[in-house]
Amino acid sequence: MDEAAFDGREEFRPLIELSPEERRQVITLPPSIATLTAVKHLVLYGSNLVRIPPEIGAMTSLEEFTPYTSYRLHWLPYEITRCQKLTRSTVSTRALFGNEKLRSPFPRLQSPRDSVADLDLENLDPRRRGATAIHSCSVCDHPIARGGLHQVWISLRVATDVLPLLVSACSQACVDRLPDGAEGYIPAPHRGGRVDQPASDWD
């Protein structure tokens, strides 16, 4: 990661030099992906990733995102919408929560909190919060520590695909600022669990 940031490469394939066993052990990328501001194409083909850190939103040059055949990657952080140059994606959409063919259920998110005073934001359980640390609001980018934690799902078109995105907002007001969901998907932000989804295209 440091080498890629230093040499300013435009295509980054972080897993290509790893053995199959080493690749299986990589289930997320480090927050230092935020330093990859020159990368235009992020290639994660065939990875064992289960999550992407929200710091992907700092990859301001990103034009193409290729996590194809990363079958354990079921959702992305909302911060990917900050990559305004991102126009092409190749995602295994059948693995995604809420995809139009299978309508896989969204996991139920934790109840909203108006204060995080008693929550260790640097040591979170990613199975419950989607990340090991949350520093800033997905919507307004203000420090989460100054507000609360309101997590919701929303499905939006990002580049080529409609992606299920996890929002970690500092307040209900920020949740209310989110756009409507993509056409043919759940129209409003939601907390997952037993939520009605549109009928599958294959029903």
N, C-alpha and C. Protein backbone atom coordinates (compact mmCIF):
# COMPACT_ATOMS: atom_id res chain seq x y z
N MET A 1 0.83 -1.20 0.00
CA MET A 1 0.00 0.00 0.00
C MET A 1 0.87 1.26 0.00
N ASP A 2 1.88 1.28 0.88
CA ASP A 2 2.78 2.44 0.94
C ASP A 2 3.53 2.63 -0.38
N GLU A 3 3.95 1.52 -0.96
CA GLU A 3 4.68 1.59 -2.23
C GLU A 3 3.81 2.16 -3.34
N ALA A 4 2.54 1.72 -3.37
CA ALA A 4 1.61 2.21 -4.39
C ALA A 4 1.34 3.70 -4.23
N ALA A 5 1.24 4.15 -2.99
CA ALA A 5 1.02 5.58 -2.75
C ALA A 5 2.25 6.39 -3.13
N PHE A 6 3.43 5.84 -2.87
CA PHE A 6 4.68 6.56 -3.14
C PHE A 6 4.94 6.71 -4.63
N ASP A 7 4.70 5.64 -5.40
CA ASP A 7 5.06 5.72 -6.82
C ASP A 7 3.94 6.29 -7.69
N GLY A 8 2.78 6.57 -7.09
CA GLY A 8 1.70 7.24 -7.82
C GLY A 8 1.10 6.40 -8.93
N ARG A 9 1.10 5.09 -8.77
CA ARG A 9 0.57 4.22 -9.83
C ARG A 9 -0.93 4.47 -10.04
N GLU A 10 -1.37 4.25 -11.27
CA GLU A 10 -2.77 4.49 -11.62
C GLU A 10 -3.62 3.23 -11.56
N GLU A 11 -2.99 2.06 -11.58
CA GLU A 11 -3.72 0.80 -11.40
C GLU A 11 -3.14 0.08 -10.19
N PHE A 12 -4.02 -0.37 -9.31
CA PHE A 12 -3.58 -1.03 -8.08
C PHE A 12 -4.22 -2.39 -7.97
N ARG A 13 -3.36 -3.43 -7.91
CA ARG A 13 -3.80 -4.82 -7.76
C ARG A 13 -3.15 -5.37 -6.49
N PRO A 14 -3.72 -5.11 -5.31
CA PRO A 14 -3.03 -5.44 -4.05
C PRO A 14 -2.87 -6.92 -3.76
N LEU A 15 -3.61 -7.78 -4.46
CA LEU A 15 -3.58 -9.20 -4.11
C LEU A 15 -2.77 -10.04 -5.08
N ILE A 16 -2.30 -9.44 -6.16
CA ILE A 16 -1.73 -10.23 -7.25
C ILE A 16 -0.44 -10.96 -6.85
N GLU A 17 0.32 -10.40 -5.91
CA GLU A 17 1.59 -11.02 -5.53
C GLU A 17 1.46 -11.98 -4.34
N LEU A 18 0.25 -12.18 -3.86
CA LEU A 18 0.03 -13.06 -2.72
C LEU A 18 -0.24 -14.49 -3.17
N SER A 19 0.12 -15.44 -2.33
CA SER A 19 -0.21 -16.83 -2.61
C SER A 19 -1.70 -17.05 -2.36
N PRO A 20 -2.28 -18.13 -2.89
CA PRO A 20 -3.70 -18.41 -2.63
C PRO A 20 -4.04 -18.43 -1.14
N GLU A 21 -3.16 -19.01 -0.33
CA GLU A 21 -3.40 -19.05 1.12
C GLU A 21 -3.38 -17.65 1.71
N GLU A 22 -2.45 -16.83 1.29
CA GLU A 22 -2.38 -15.46 1.80
C GLU A 22 -3.60 -14.66 1.36
N ARG A 23 -4.05 -14.86 0.14
CA ARG A 23 -5.23 -14.14 -0.36
C ARG A 23 -6.46 -14.49 0.47
N ARG A 24 -6.58 -15.75 0.86
CA ARG A 24 -7.74 -16.17 1.65
C ARG A 24 -7.78 -15.48 3.01
N GLN A 25 -6.63 -15.05 3.51
CA GLN A 25 -6.57 -14.41 4.82
C GLN A 25 -6.90 -12.93 4.79
N VAL A 26 -6.94 -12.35 3.61
CA VAL A 26 -7.22 -10.92 3.48
C VAL A 26 -8.72 -10.71 3.34
N ILE A 27 -9.35 -10.23 4.41
CA ILE A 27 -10.80 -10.04 4.38
C ILE A 27 -11.21 -8.57 4.32
N THR A 28 -10.27 -7.66 4.44
CA THR A 28 -10.55 -6.24 4.26
C THR A 28 -9.26 -5.57 3.83
N LEU A 29 -9.36 -4.31 3.43
CA LEU A 29 -8.20 -3.52 3.09
C LEU A 29 -7.94 -2.52 4.21
N PRO A 30 -6.71 -2.07 4.38
CA PRO A 30 -6.41 -1.12 5.46
C PRO A 30 -6.94 0.28 5.15
N PRO A 31 -7.19 1.07 6.18
CA PRO A 31 -7.64 2.45 5.97
C PRO A 31 -6.68 3.29 5.14
N SER A 32 -5.43 2.83 5.03
CA SER A 32 -4.44 3.59 4.26
C SER A 32 -4.74 3.63 2.77
N ILE A 33 -5.80 2.95 2.32
CA ILE A 33 -6.19 3.13 0.91
C ILE A 33 -6.53 4.59 0.63
N ALA A 34 -6.79 5.35 1.68
CA ALA A 34 -7.06 6.79 1.51
C ALA A 34 -5.89 7.53 0.89
N THR A 35 -4.68 6.95 0.96
CA THR A 35 -3.49 7.60 0.40
C THR A 35 -3.35 7.36 -1.10
N LEU A 36 -4.18 6.49 -1.65
CA LEU A 36 -4.03 6.11 -3.06
C LEU A 36 -4.80 7.08 -3.96
N THR A 37 -4.45 8.34 -3.87
CA THR A 37 -5.20 9.37 -4.58
C THR A 37 -4.91 9.42 -6.07
N ALA A 38 -3.89 8.70 -6.54
CA ALA A 38 -3.59 8.67 -7.97
C ALA A 38 -4.20 7.46 -8.67
N VAL A 39 -4.66 6.49 -7.90
CA VAL A 39 -5.16 5.24 -8.48
C VAL A 39 -6.46 5.49 -9.24
N LYS A 40 -6.47 5.04 -10.49
CA LYS A 40 -7.67 5.16 -11.33
C LYS A 40 -8.44 3.84 -11.42
N HIS A 41 -7.74 2.72 -11.25
CA HIS A 41 -8.38 1.42 -11.37
C HIS A 41 -7.96 0.55 -10.20
N LEU A 42 -8.94 0.16 -9.37
CA LEU A 42 -8.70 -0.72 -8.23
C LEU A 42 -9.19 -2.11 -8.60
N VAL A 43 -8.26 -3.07 -8.65
CA VAL A 43 -8.57 -4.43 -9.09
C VAL A 43 -8.50 -5.38 -7.90
N LEU A 44 -9.64 -5.99 -7.58
CA LEU A 44 -9.73 -6.92 -6.45
C LEU A 44 -10.34 -8.24 -6.93
N TYR A 45 -10.02 -8.61 -8.14
CA TYR A 45 -10.61 -9.78 -8.77
C TYR A 45 -10.37 -11.05 -7.95
N GLY A 46 -11.44 -11.79 -7.70
CA GLY A 46 -11.34 -13.08 -7.02
C GLY A 46 -10.87 -13.01 -5.58
N SER A 47 -11.15 -11.91 -4.90
CA SER A 47 -10.67 -11.76 -3.52
C SER A 47 -11.57 -12.50 -2.53
N ASN A 48 -11.08 -12.56 -1.29
CA ASN A 48 -11.86 -13.13 -0.19
C ASN A 48 -12.38 -12.01 0.72
N LEU A 49 -12.42 -10.80 0.20
CA LEU A 49 -12.82 -9.64 1.00
C LEU A 49 -14.27 -9.75 1.46
N VAL A 50 -14.52 -9.35 2.69
CA VAL A 50 -15.89 -9.28 3.20
C VAL A 50 -16.32 -7.82 3.41
N ARG A 51 -15.38 -6.89 3.38
CA ARG A 51 -15.74 -5.47 3.50
C ARG A 51 -14.62 -4.60 2.94
N ILE A 52 -15.03 -3.41 2.54
CA ILE A 52 -14.12 -2.37 2.06
C ILE A 52 -14.21 -1.22 3.05
N PRO A 53 -13.09 -0.66 3.50
CA PRO A 53 -13.17 0.42 4.49
C PRO A 53 -13.74 1.71 3.89
N PRO A 54 -14.39 2.51 4.70
CA PRO A 54 -14.98 3.76 4.20
C PRO A 54 -13.95 4.72 3.62
N GLU A 55 -12.68 4.52 3.95
CA GLU A 55 -11.63 5.40 3.43
C GLU A 55 -11.49 5.31 1.91
N ILE A 56 -12.20 4.38 1.27
CA ILE A 56 -12.18 4.33 -0.18
C ILE A 56 -12.68 5.65 -0.77
N GLY A 57 -13.49 6.35 -0.01
CA GLY A 57 -14.02 7.63 -0.48
C GLY A 57 -12.97 8.68 -0.74
N ALA A 58 -11.76 8.49 -0.21
CA ALA A 58 -10.67 9.45 -0.42
C ALA A 58 -9.90 9.17 -1.71
N MET A 59 -10.23 8.09 -2.41
CA MET A 59 -9.55 7.77 -3.67
C MET A 59 -10.17 8.62 -4.79
N THR A 60 -9.80 9.86 -4.81
CA THR A 60 -10.47 10.87 -5.64
C THR A 60 -10.25 10.68 -7.14
N SER A 61 -9.24 9.91 -7.54
CA SER A 61 -8.99 9.69 -8.97
C SER A 61 -9.64 8.41 -9.49
N LEU A 62 -10.26 7.65 -8.60
CA LEU A 62 -10.78 6.33 -8.96
C LEU A 62 -11.82 6.43 -10.08
N GLU A 63 -11.58 5.71 -11.18
CA GLU A 63 -12.48 5.69 -12.32
C GLU A 63 -13.11 4.32 -12.54
N GLU A 64 -12.42 3.27 -12.10
CA GLU A 64 -12.91 1.91 -12.34
C GLU A 64 -12.65 1.05 -11.11
N PHE A 65 -13.67 0.27 -10.73
CA PHE A 65 -13.62 -0.57 -9.53
C PHE A 65 -13.97 -1.99 -9.94
N THR A 66 -13.04 -2.94 -9.73
CA THR A 66 -13.23 -4.31 -10.22
C THR A 66 -13.03 -5.33 -9.10
N PRO A 67 -14.09 -5.58 -8.31
CA PRO A 67 -14.02 -6.67 -7.32
C PRO A 67 -14.72 -7.93 -7.82
N TYR A 68 -14.75 -8.14 -9.13
CA TYR A 68 -15.50 -9.25 -9.72
C TYR A 68 -15.06 -10.60 -9.13
N THR A 69 -16.00 -11.47 -8.93
CA THR A 69 -15.87 -12.79 -8.31
C THR A 69 -15.36 -12.72 -6.88
N SER A 70 -15.56 -11.60 -6.21
CA SER A 70 -15.33 -11.51 -4.76
C SER A 70 -16.66 -11.83 -4.09
N TYR A 71 -16.94 -13.12 -3.98
CA TYR A 71 -18.29 -13.56 -3.63
C TYR A 71 -18.67 -13.34 -2.17
N ARG A 72 -17.71 -12.97 -1.32
CA ARG A 72 -18.03 -12.68 0.08
C ARG A 72 -18.27 -11.19 0.30
N LEU A 73 -18.14 -10.41 -0.75
CA LEU A 73 -18.35 -8.96 -0.66
C LEU A 73 -19.80 -8.66 -0.98
N HIS A 74 -20.61 -8.46 0.07
CA HIS A 74 -22.06 -8.34 -0.09
C HIS A 74 -22.55 -6.89 -0.06
N TRP A 75 -21.69 -5.96 0.28
CA TRP A 75 -22.09 -4.55 0.39
C TRP A 75 -20.85 -3.67 0.32
N LEU A 76 -21.07 -2.37 0.15
CA LEU A 76 -19.98 -1.40 0.09
C LEU A 76 -20.29 -0.24 1.04
N PRO A 77 -19.29 0.51 1.46
CA PRO A 77 -19.55 1.68 2.29
C PRO A 77 -20.12 2.83 1.45
N TYR A 78 -21.00 3.61 2.05
CA TYR A 78 -21.61 4.75 1.35
C TYR A 78 -20.55 5.72 0.84
N GLU A 79 -19.42 5.76 1.51
CA GLU A 79 -18.36 6.71 1.14
C GLU A 79 -17.85 6.52 -0.28
N ILE A 80 -18.12 5.38 -0.90
CA ILE A 80 -17.68 5.18 -2.27
C ILE A 80 -18.36 6.17 -3.21
N THR A 81 -19.48 6.74 -2.79
CA THR A 81 -20.17 7.73 -3.62
C THR A 81 -19.37 9.03 -3.72
N ARG A 82 -18.36 9.20 -2.87
CA ARG A 82 -17.51 10.39 -2.96
C ARG A 82 -16.51 10.29 -4.10
N CYS A 83 -16.35 9.12 -4.65
CA CYS A 83 -15.44 8.94 -5.79
C CYS A 83 -16.16 9.41 -7.05
N GLN A 84 -16.14 10.70 -7.27
CA GLN A 84 -16.98 11.30 -8.31
C GLN A 84 -16.54 10.97 -9.73
N LYS A 85 -15.32 10.48 -9.90
CA LYS A 85 -14.86 10.09 -11.24
C LYS A 85 -15.16 8.63 -11.55
N LEU A 86 -15.70 7.91 -10.59
CA LEU A 86 -15.96 6.48 -10.76
C LEU A 86 -17.13 6.27 -11.74
N THR A 87 -16.82 5.70 -12.89
CA THR A 87 -17.84 5.50 -13.92
C THR A 87 -17.98 4.05 -14.37
N ARG A 88 -17.04 3.19 -13.99
CA ARG A 88 -17.09 1.78 -14.41
C ARG A 88 -16.88 0.87 -13.22
N SER A 89 -17.71 -0.16 -13.13
CA SER A 89 -17.55 -1.15 -12.07
C SER A 89 -17.90 -2.52 -12.61
N THR A 90 -17.23 -3.53 -12.06
CA THR A 90 -17.51 -4.92 -12.41
C THR A 90 -17.64 -5.69 -11.10
N VAL A 91 -18.87 -5.90 -10.70
CA VAL A 91 -19.18 -6.49 -9.40
C VAL A 91 -20.01 -7.76 -9.62
N SER A 92 -19.78 -8.77 -8.82
CA SER A 92 -20.62 -9.98 -8.87
C SER A 92 -21.93 -9.66 -8.15
N THR A 93 -22.89 -9.14 -8.90
CA THR A 93 -24.09 -8.57 -8.30
C THR A 93 -24.96 -9.60 -7.59
N ARG A 94 -24.89 -10.87 -7.97
CA ARG A 94 -25.72 -11.87 -7.29
C ARG A 94 -25.30 -12.06 -5.84
N ALA A 95 -24.09 -11.65 -5.50
CA ALA A 95 -23.62 -11.79 -4.12
C ALA A 95 -24.08 -10.62 -3.25
N LEU A 96 -24.65 -9.59 -3.85
CA LEU A 96 -24.99 -8.37 -3.12
C LEU A 96 -26.32 -8.48 -2.39
N PHE A 97 -26.40 -7.87 -1.21
CA PHE A 97 -27.67 -7.78 -0.50
C PHE A 97 -28.69 -7.03 -1.38
N GLY A 98 -29.89 -7.59 -1.48
CA GLY A 98 -30.97 -6.90 -2.19
C GLY A 98 -30.87 -6.91 -3.69
N ASN A 99 -29.95 -7.69 -4.27
CA ASN A 99 -29.78 -7.64 -5.73
C ASN A 99 -31.08 -8.03 -6.43
N GLU A 100 -31.28 -7.49 -7.62
CA GLU A 100 -32.57 -7.60 -8.29
C GLU A 100 -32.93 -9.01 -8.71
N LYS A 101 -31.96 -9.92 -8.81
CA LYS A 101 -32.27 -11.28 -9.22
C LYS A 101 -32.69 -12.15 -8.04
N LEU A 102 -31.99 -12.02 -6.90
CA LEU A 102 -32.24 -12.92 -5.78
C LEU A 102 -32.89 -12.24 -4.57
N ARG A 103 -32.76 -10.91 -4.48
CA ARG A 103 -33.30 -10.15 -3.33
C ARG A 103 -32.81 -10.74 -2.01
N SER A 104 -31.51 -10.97 -1.91
CA SER A 104 -30.94 -11.47 -0.66
C SER A 104 -31.26 -10.49 0.47
N PRO A 105 -31.60 -11.00 1.66
CA PRO A 105 -31.98 -10.11 2.76
C PRO A 105 -30.81 -9.29 3.29
N PHE A 106 -31.13 -8.11 3.77
CA PHE A 106 -30.15 -7.25 4.43
C PHE A 106 -30.06 -7.61 5.90
N PRO A 107 -28.88 -7.72 6.47
CA PRO A 107 -28.77 -7.96 7.92
C PRO A 107 -29.40 -6.80 8.69
N ARG A 108 -29.96 -7.13 9.85
CA ARG A 108 -30.55 -6.12 10.72
C ARG A 108 -29.43 -5.30 11.37
N LEU A 109 -29.53 -4.00 11.26
CA LEU A 109 -28.53 -3.12 11.86
C LEU A 109 -28.88 -2.79 13.31
N GLN A 110 -27.88 -2.34 14.04
CA GLN A 110 -28.08 -1.97 15.44
C GLN A 110 -28.98 -0.74 15.56
N SER A 111 -29.64 -0.60 16.70
CA SER A 111 -30.51 0.54 16.94
C SER A 111 -29.71 1.84 16.90
N PRO A 112 -30.33 2.93 16.43
CA PRO A 112 -29.61 4.21 16.38
C PRO A 112 -29.26 4.72 17.77
N ARG A 113 -28.17 5.46 17.85
CA ARG A 113 -27.70 6.03 19.11
C ARG A 113 -27.52 7.53 18.90
N ASP A 114 -28.07 8.32 19.80
CA ASP A 114 -27.90 9.77 19.72
C ASP A 114 -26.59 10.24 20.35
N SER A 115 -25.91 9.33 21.04
CA SER A 115 -24.61 9.63 21.62
C SER A 115 -23.72 8.39 21.51
N VAL A 116 -22.44 8.61 21.28
CA VAL A 116 -21.50 7.50 21.23
C VAL A 116 -20.50 7.59 22.38
N ALA A 117 -20.90 8.30 23.43
CA ALA A 117 -19.99 8.53 24.56
C ALA A 117 -19.50 7.22 25.18
N ASP A 118 -20.32 6.19 25.17
CA ASP A 118 -19.93 4.93 25.79
C ASP A 118 -19.59 3.85 24.76
N LEU A 119 -19.28 4.30 23.53
CA LEU A 119 -18.95 3.37 22.46
C LEU A 119 -17.50 3.60 22.02
N ASP A 120 -16.69 2.55 22.03
CA ASP A 120 -15.29 2.66 21.62
C ASP A 120 -15.23 2.62 20.09
N LEU A 121 -15.17 3.80 19.49
CA LEU A 121 -15.23 3.91 18.04
C LEU A 121 -14.00 3.37 17.33
N GLU A 122 -12.93 3.11 18.10
CA GLU A 122 -11.70 2.58 17.50
C GLU A 122 -11.63 1.05 17.58
N ASN A 123 -12.56 0.46 18.31
CA ASN A 123 -12.54 -1.01 18.49
C ASN A 123 -13.96 -1.55 18.40
N LEU A 124 -14.51 -1.49 17.20
CA LEU A 124 -15.88 -1.95 16.98
C LEU A 124 -15.89 -3.39 16.47
N ASP A 125 -16.99 -4.05 16.68
CA ASP A 125 -17.17 -5.40 16.16
C ASP A 125 -17.69 -5.26 14.73
N PRO A 126 -16.88 -5.61 13.73
CA PRO A 126 -17.34 -5.40 12.34
C PRO A 126 -18.55 -6.24 11.97
N ARG A 127 -18.81 -7.31 12.70
CA ARG A 127 -20.00 -8.12 12.42
C ARG A 127 -21.27 -7.39 12.84
N ARG A 128 -21.14 -6.41 13.73
CA ARG A 128 -22.30 -5.64 14.19
C ARG A 128 -22.34 -4.24 13.59
N ARG A 129 -21.16 -3.68 13.27
CA ARG A 129 -21.10 -2.29 12.81
C ARG A 129 -20.56 -2.14 11.39
N GLY A 130 -20.05 -3.23 10.80
CA GLY A 130 -19.56 -3.15 9.44
C GLY A 130 -18.15 -2.62 9.30
N ALA A 131 -17.54 -2.24 10.40
CA ALA A 131 -16.17 -1.71 10.39
C ALA A 131 -15.57 -1.88 11.77
N THR A 132 -14.24 -1.91 11.82
CA THR A 132 -13.56 -1.99 13.11
C THR A 132 -13.40 -0.63 13.75
N ALA A 133 -13.58 0.43 12.95
CA ALA A 133 -13.51 1.80 13.48
C ALA A 133 -14.35 2.71 12.59
N ILE A 134 -15.01 3.68 13.21
CA ILE A 134 -15.78 4.67 12.48
C ILE A 134 -15.36 6.05 12.99
N HIS A 135 -14.85 6.86 12.09
CA HIS A 135 -14.33 8.16 12.50
C HIS A 135 -15.23 9.34 12.14
N SER A 136 -15.87 9.25 10.98
CA SER A 136 -16.65 10.41 10.54
C SER A 136 -17.97 9.97 9.91
N CYS A 137 -18.88 10.91 9.84
CA CYS A 137 -20.21 10.67 9.29
C CYS A 137 -20.11 10.41 7.78
N SER A 138 -20.79 9.39 7.32
CA SER A 138 -20.79 9.07 5.89
C SER A 138 -21.38 10.17 5.04
N VAL A 139 -22.25 10.99 5.65
CA VAL A 139 -22.99 12.01 4.90
C VAL A 139 -22.33 13.38 4.98
N CYS A 140 -22.13 13.89 6.20
CA CYS A 140 -21.59 15.25 6.36
C CYS A 140 -20.10 15.28 6.62
N ASP A 141 -19.50 14.13 6.92
CA ASP A 141 -18.07 13.98 7.18
C ASP A 141 -17.63 14.59 8.51
N HIS A 142 -18.55 15.01 9.36
CA HIS A 142 -18.19 15.51 10.68
C HIS A 142 -17.81 14.34 11.58
N PRO A 143 -16.99 14.57 12.60
CA PRO A 143 -16.58 13.48 13.49
C PRO A 143 -17.77 12.80 14.16
N ILE A 144 -17.82 11.48 14.06
CA ILE A 144 -18.89 10.71 14.70
C ILE A 144 -18.86 10.93 16.21
N ALA A 145 -17.68 11.10 16.78
CA ALA A 145 -17.55 11.24 18.23
C ALA A 145 -18.33 12.44 18.77
N ARG A 146 -18.62 13.41 17.94
CA ARG A 146 -19.35 14.60 18.38
C ARG A 146 -20.87 14.43 18.29
N GLY A 147 -21.30 13.34 17.67
CA GLY A 147 -22.73 13.14 17.50
C GLY A 147 -23.16 11.77 17.96
N GLY A 148 -23.98 11.15 17.15
CA GLY A 148 -24.46 9.80 17.46
C GLY A 148 -24.04 8.85 16.36
N LEU A 149 -24.70 7.70 16.30
CA LEU A 149 -24.41 6.72 15.25
C LEU A 149 -25.73 6.14 14.78
N HIS A 150 -26.09 6.48 13.56
CA HIS A 150 -27.33 6.03 12.94
C HIS A 150 -26.95 5.30 11.66
N GLN A 151 -27.02 3.98 11.67
CA GLN A 151 -26.62 3.19 10.52
C GLN A 151 -27.84 2.70 9.74
N VAL A 152 -27.78 2.87 8.44
CA VAL A 152 -28.87 2.44 7.55
C VAL A 152 -28.28 1.87 6.28
N TRP A 153 -29.11 1.10 5.58
CA TRP A 153 -28.78 0.60 4.25
C TRP A 153 -29.47 1.46 3.21
N ILE A 154 -28.83 1.61 2.06
CA ILE A 154 -29.49 2.24 0.92
C ILE A 154 -28.88 1.64 -0.34
N SER A 155 -29.69 1.39 -1.35
CA SER A 155 -29.21 0.84 -2.62
C SER A 155 -29.20 1.94 -3.66
N LEU A 156 -28.01 2.23 -4.20
CA LEU A 156 -27.85 3.31 -5.17
C LEU A 156 -27.03 2.83 -6.35
N ARG A 157 -27.27 3.45 -7.50
CA ARG A 157 -26.41 3.16 -8.65
C ARG A 157 -25.09 3.88 -8.46
N VAL A 158 -24.03 3.10 -8.48
CA VAL A 158 -22.67 3.63 -8.39
C VAL A 158 -21.92 3.09 -9.60
N ALA A 159 -21.50 3.95 -10.49
CA ALA A 159 -20.85 3.53 -11.72
C ALA A 159 -21.80 2.63 -12.50
N THR A 160 -21.40 1.39 -12.77
CA THR A 160 -22.19 0.50 -13.62
C THR A 160 -23.29 -0.24 -12.89
N ASP A 161 -23.16 -0.39 -11.57
CA ASP A 161 -24.03 -1.29 -10.82
C ASP A 161 -24.82 -0.59 -9.73
N VAL A 162 -25.96 -1.19 -9.36
CA VAL A 162 -26.67 -0.77 -8.15
C VAL A 162 -26.06 -1.53 -6.98
N LEU A 163 -25.56 -0.78 -6.00
CA LEU A 163 -24.85 -1.39 -4.88
C LEU A 163 -25.57 -1.14 -3.57
N PRO A 164 -25.60 -2.13 -2.69
CA PRO A 164 -26.11 -1.90 -1.32
C PRO A 164 -25.01 -1.19 -0.52
N LEU A 165 -25.35 -0.05 0.03
CA LEU A 165 -24.37 0.78 0.71
C LEU A 165 -24.71 0.92 2.19
N LEU A 166 -23.70 0.81 3.04
CA LEU A 166 -23.88 0.99 4.47
C LEU A 166 -23.54 2.43 4.83
N VAL A 167 -24.51 3.12 5.40
CA VAL A 167 -24.34 4.51 5.83
C VAL A 167 -24.13 4.53 7.34
N SER A 168 -23.09 5.22 7.78
CA SER A 168 -22.87 5.44 9.22
C SER A 168 -22.97 6.94 9.45
N ALA A 169 -24.16 7.38 9.82
CA ALA A 169 -24.44 8.81 9.94
C ALA A 169 -24.37 9.27 11.39
N CYS A 170 -24.11 10.56 11.58
CA CYS A 170 -23.99 11.11 12.93
C CYS A 170 -25.32 11.51 13.53
N SER A 171 -26.37 11.55 12.72
CA SER A 171 -27.67 12.01 13.22
C SER A 171 -28.77 11.55 12.27
N GLN A 172 -30.00 11.61 12.76
CA GLN A 172 -31.15 11.31 11.90
C GLN A 172 -31.26 12.37 10.81
N ALA A 173 -30.84 13.59 11.11
CA ALA A 173 -30.89 14.65 10.10
C ALA A 173 -30.04 14.28 8.89
N CYS A 174 -28.88 13.68 9.13
CA CYS A 174 -28.03 13.26 8.01
C CYS A 174 -28.67 12.09 7.26
N VAL A 175 -29.31 11.18 7.97
CA VAL A 175 -30.03 10.10 7.30
C VAL A 175 -31.11 10.68 6.39
N ASP A 176 -31.79 11.72 6.88
CA ASP A 176 -32.86 12.34 6.10
C ASP A 176 -32.34 13.04 4.85
N ARG A 177 -31.06 13.32 4.79
CA ARG A 177 -30.46 13.98 3.62
C ARG A 177 -30.12 13.00 2.50
N LEU A 178 -30.21 11.72 2.79
CA LEU A 178 -29.85 10.72 1.78
C LEU A 178 -30.83 10.75 0.60
N PRO A 179 -30.36 10.42 -0.59
CA PRO A 179 -31.27 10.37 -1.74
C PRO A 179 -32.19 9.17 -1.67
N ASP A 180 -33.16 9.13 -2.56
CA ASP A 180 -34.02 7.96 -2.67
C ASP A 180 -33.21 6.78 -3.20
N GLY A 181 -33.66 5.58 -2.86
CA GLY A 181 -33.00 4.39 -3.38
C GLY A 181 -33.18 4.27 -4.89
N ALA A 182 -32.36 3.45 -5.52
CA ALA A 182 -32.42 3.25 -6.96
C ALA A 182 -33.78 2.68 -7.36
N GLU A 183 -34.20 2.99 -8.57
CA GLU A 183 -35.47 2.48 -9.08
C GLU A 183 -35.46 0.95 -9.09
N GLY A 184 -36.53 0.36 -8.59
CA GLY A 184 -36.62 -1.09 -8.54
C GLY A 184 -36.05 -1.69 -7.27
N TYR A 185 -35.60 -0.83 -6.35
CA TYR A 185 -35.04 -1.27 -5.07
C TYR A 185 -35.83 -0.62 -3.94
N ILE A 186 -35.50 -0.96 -2.71
CA ILE A 186 -36.18 -0.34 -1.57
C ILE A 186 -36.01 1.16 -1.68
N PRO A 187 -37.09 1.92 -1.68
CA PRO A 187 -37.01 3.34 -2.04
C PRO A 187 -36.41 4.27 -1.00
N ALA A 188 -36.36 3.85 0.25
CA ALA A 188 -35.88 4.74 1.31
C ALA A 188 -34.81 4.03 2.15
N PRO A 189 -33.98 4.78 2.84
CA PRO A 189 -33.01 4.14 3.75
C PRO A 189 -33.73 3.26 4.77
N HIS A 190 -33.09 2.17 5.17
CA HIS A 190 -33.73 1.23 6.08
C HIS A 190 -32.67 0.54 6.93
N ARG A 191 -33.12 -0.18 7.96
CA ARG A 191 -32.20 -0.84 8.87
C ARG A 191 -32.10 -2.34 8.64
N GLY A 192 -32.64 -2.81 7.54
CA GLY A 192 -32.52 -4.23 7.21
C GLY A 192 -33.45 -5.09 8.03
N GLY A 193 -33.15 -6.38 8.09
CA GLY A 193 -34.03 -7.31 8.80
C GLY A 193 -35.26 -7.61 7.97
N ARG A 194 -36.40 -7.66 8.60
CA ARG A 194 -37.64 -7.99 7.90
C ARG A 194 -38.20 -6.76 7.22
N VAL A 195 -37.63 -6.43 6.10
CA VAL A 195 -38.08 -5.27 5.32
C VAL A 195 -38.54 -5.78 3.96
N ASP A 196 -39.66 -5.24 3.49
CA ASP A 196 -40.20 -5.68 2.20
C ASP A 196 -39.33 -5.17 1.06
N GLN A 197 -38.99 -6.07 0.17
CA GLN A 197 -38.24 -5.72 -1.02
C GLN A 197 -39.12 -5.92 -2.24
N PRO A 198 -38.86 -5.17 -3.33
CA PRO A 198 -39.61 -5.43 -4.57
C PRO A 198 -39.41 -6.87 -5.00
N ALA A 199 -40.35 -7.38 -5.76
CA ALA A 199 -40.25 -8.76 -6.23
C ALA A 199 -39.01 -8.92 -7.09
N SER A 200 -38.40 -10.11 -7.02
CA SER A 200 -37.24 -10.40 -7.85
C SER A 200 -37.62 -10.39 -9.31
N ASP A 201 -36.69 -9.96 -10.16
CA ASP A 201 -36.92 -10.00 -11.61
C ASP A 201 -37.10 -11.42 -12.12
N TRP A 202 -36.68 -12.39 -11.32
CA TRP A 202 -36.78 -13.79 -11.73
C TRP A 202 -37.95 -14.51 -11.10
N ASP A 203 -38.80 -13.75 -10.36
CA ASP A 203 -39.98 -14.38 -9.74
C ASP A 203 -41.00 -14.77 -10.81
